[in-house]
Protein backbone atom coordinates (compact mmCIF):
# COMPACT_ATOMS: atom_id res chain seq x y z
CA MET A 1 13.81 7.94 -3.67
CA ARG A 2 11.19 8.40 -6.31
CA PHE A 3 8.12 6.15 -6.87
CA ASP A 4 9.34 5.10 -10.29
CA ASP A 5 12.81 4.18 -9.08
CA TYR A 6 11.27 2.21 -6.34
CA GLN A 7 8.88 0.44 -8.67
CA LYS A 8 11.82 -0.57 -11.10
CA LYS A 9 14.08 -1.65 -8.37
CA SER A 10 11.29 -3.60 -6.44
CA ARG A 11 10.63 -5.48 -9.70
CA GLU A 12 14.07 -7.08 -9.53
CA THR A 13 12.92 -9.11 -6.43
CA ALA A 14 9.51 -9.91 -7.93
CA ASP A 15 9.73 -13.77 -8.21
CA TYR A 16 6.34 -15.22 -7.79
CA PRO A 17 4.07 -17.75 -9.61
CA LYS A 18 1.67 -16.61 -12.29
CA VAL A 19 -1.75 -17.66 -10.92
CA THR A 20 -4.10 -17.44 -13.97
CA ARG A 21 -3.21 -13.78 -14.50
CA GLY A 22 -0.04 -11.94 -13.49
CA PHE A 23 -1.80 -9.50 -11.16
CA VAL A 24 -3.62 -12.06 -9.11
CA TYR A 25 -0.67 -13.26 -6.92
CA PRO A 26 0.46 -9.67 -5.90
CA ILE A 27 -3.11 -8.64 -5.19
CA ILE A 28 -3.42 -11.73 -2.83
CA GLY A 29 -0.10 -10.76 -1.32
CA LEU A 30 -1.18 -7.22 -0.76
CA ALA A 31 -4.33 -8.32 1.08
CA GLY A 32 -2.12 -10.64 3.29
CA GLU A 33 0.39 -7.87 4.01
CA THR A 34 -2.40 -5.35 4.75
CA GLY A 35 -3.76 -7.94 7.24
CA GLU A 36 -0.37 -8.38 8.87
CA LEU A 37 -0.20 -4.46 9.30
CA LEU A 38 -3.51 -4.41 10.86
CA ASN A 39 -2.48 -7.20 13.22
CA LYS A 40 0.49 -5.13 14.31
CA VAL A 41 -1.75 -2.13 15.02
CA GLN A 42 -4.20 -4.16 17.06
CA LYS A 43 -1.41 -5.43 19.13
CA ILE A 44 -0.31 -1.80 20.07
CA PHE A 45 -3.78 -1.55 21.73
CA ARG A 46 -3.77 -5.25 23.23
CA ASP A 47 -0.25 -5.29 24.49
CA ASP A 48 0.74 -1.71 24.93
CA LYS A 49 -2.53 0.06 25.98
CA GLY A 50 -2.48 2.14 22.72
CA ARG A 51 1.16 3.32 23.32
CA VAL A 52 3.33 3.18 20.12
CA THR A 53 6.73 1.90 21.20
CA SER A 54 9.94 2.18 19.09
CA GLN A 55 9.67 -1.74 18.62
CA LYS A 56 6.12 -1.24 17.21
CA LYS A 57 7.28 1.48 15.03
CA GLU A 58 9.91 -0.87 13.52
CA GLU A 59 7.39 -3.45 13.00
CA ILE A 60 4.92 -1.11 11.38
CA THR A 61 7.80 0.22 9.20
CA LYS A 62 8.58 -3.24 7.91
CA GLU A 63 4.84 -4.13 7.11
CA LEU A 64 4.42 -0.88 5.33
CA GLY A 65 7.50 -1.74 3.23
CA ASP A 66 5.81 -5.19 2.21
CA VAL A 67 2.60 -3.15 1.60
CA LEU A 68 4.48 -0.81 -0.76
CA TRP A 69 6.21 -3.74 -2.48
CA TYR A 70 2.89 -5.42 -3.30
CA VAL A 71 1.35 -2.16 -4.39
CA ALA A 72 4.33 -1.58 -6.68
CA GLN A 73 4.03 -5.23 -8.16
CA VAL A 74 0.11 -4.65 -8.76
CA ALA A 75 0.90 -1.37 -10.58
CA THR A 76 3.65 -2.96 -12.67
CA GLU A 77 1.34 -5.97 -13.56
CA PHE A 78 -1.26 -3.36 -14.94
CA GLY A 79 1.32 -1.29 -16.70
CA LEU A 80 0.86 1.53 -14.28
CA SER A 81 3.46 3.96 -12.95
CA LEU A 82 3.35 4.44 -9.13
CA LYS A 83 4.19 8.13 -9.68
CA ASP A 84 1.27 8.44 -11.87
CA VAL A 85 -0.90 6.56 -9.38
CA ALA A 86 0.32 8.90 -6.53
CA GLN A 87 -0.16 11.89 -8.57
CA ASP A 88 -3.78 11.16 -9.68
CA ASN A 89 -4.66 10.03 -6.08
CA LEU A 90 -3.54 13.53 -4.85
CA LYS A 91 -5.50 15.39 -7.62
CA LYS A 92 -8.63 13.29 -6.78
CA LEU A 93 -8.23 14.17 -2.93
CA ALA A 94 -7.59 17.70 -3.73
CA SER A 95 -10.77 17.87 -5.97
CA ARG A 96 -12.73 16.23 -3.23
CA LYS A 97 -11.47 18.77 -0.47
CA LYS A 98 -12.16 21.69 -2.71
CA ARG A 99 -15.79 20.56 -3.39
CA GLY A 100 -16.35 19.69 0.27
CA HIS A 101 -16.52 15.84 -0.33
CA ILE A 102 -13.47 14.52 1.65
CA HIS A 103 -15.77 12.55 3.89
CA GLY A 104 -18.33 10.02 2.72
CA SER A 105 -17.87 6.95 0.48
CA GLY A 106 -17.73 6.01 -3.13
CA ASP A 107 -15.06 6.73 -5.79
CA ASP A 108 -16.95 9.52 -7.77
CA ARG A 109 -17.84 11.72 -4.84
């Protein structure tokens, strides 16, 4: 599946309230789903001594899907194409690697 196809198809299930601006609700949802993903990973260490079980992989897959859904909605709310976002990100990372700036912090390194 292509990013733009996913973005368009996922939009069909976007039924959320407008909270001041259209992008606010999906950004809050993205933060929540990211927290749920972190919680699943935390339990891998707490409950399974760091071993990734098939059940945990399934749980992680579901949470990543939820994160992806919210990322798609945020992109749509800002009029951005997921395909363009992904391509721009790869270009940025390739440039950082070429210049020896993969590590560190800040957007403009």
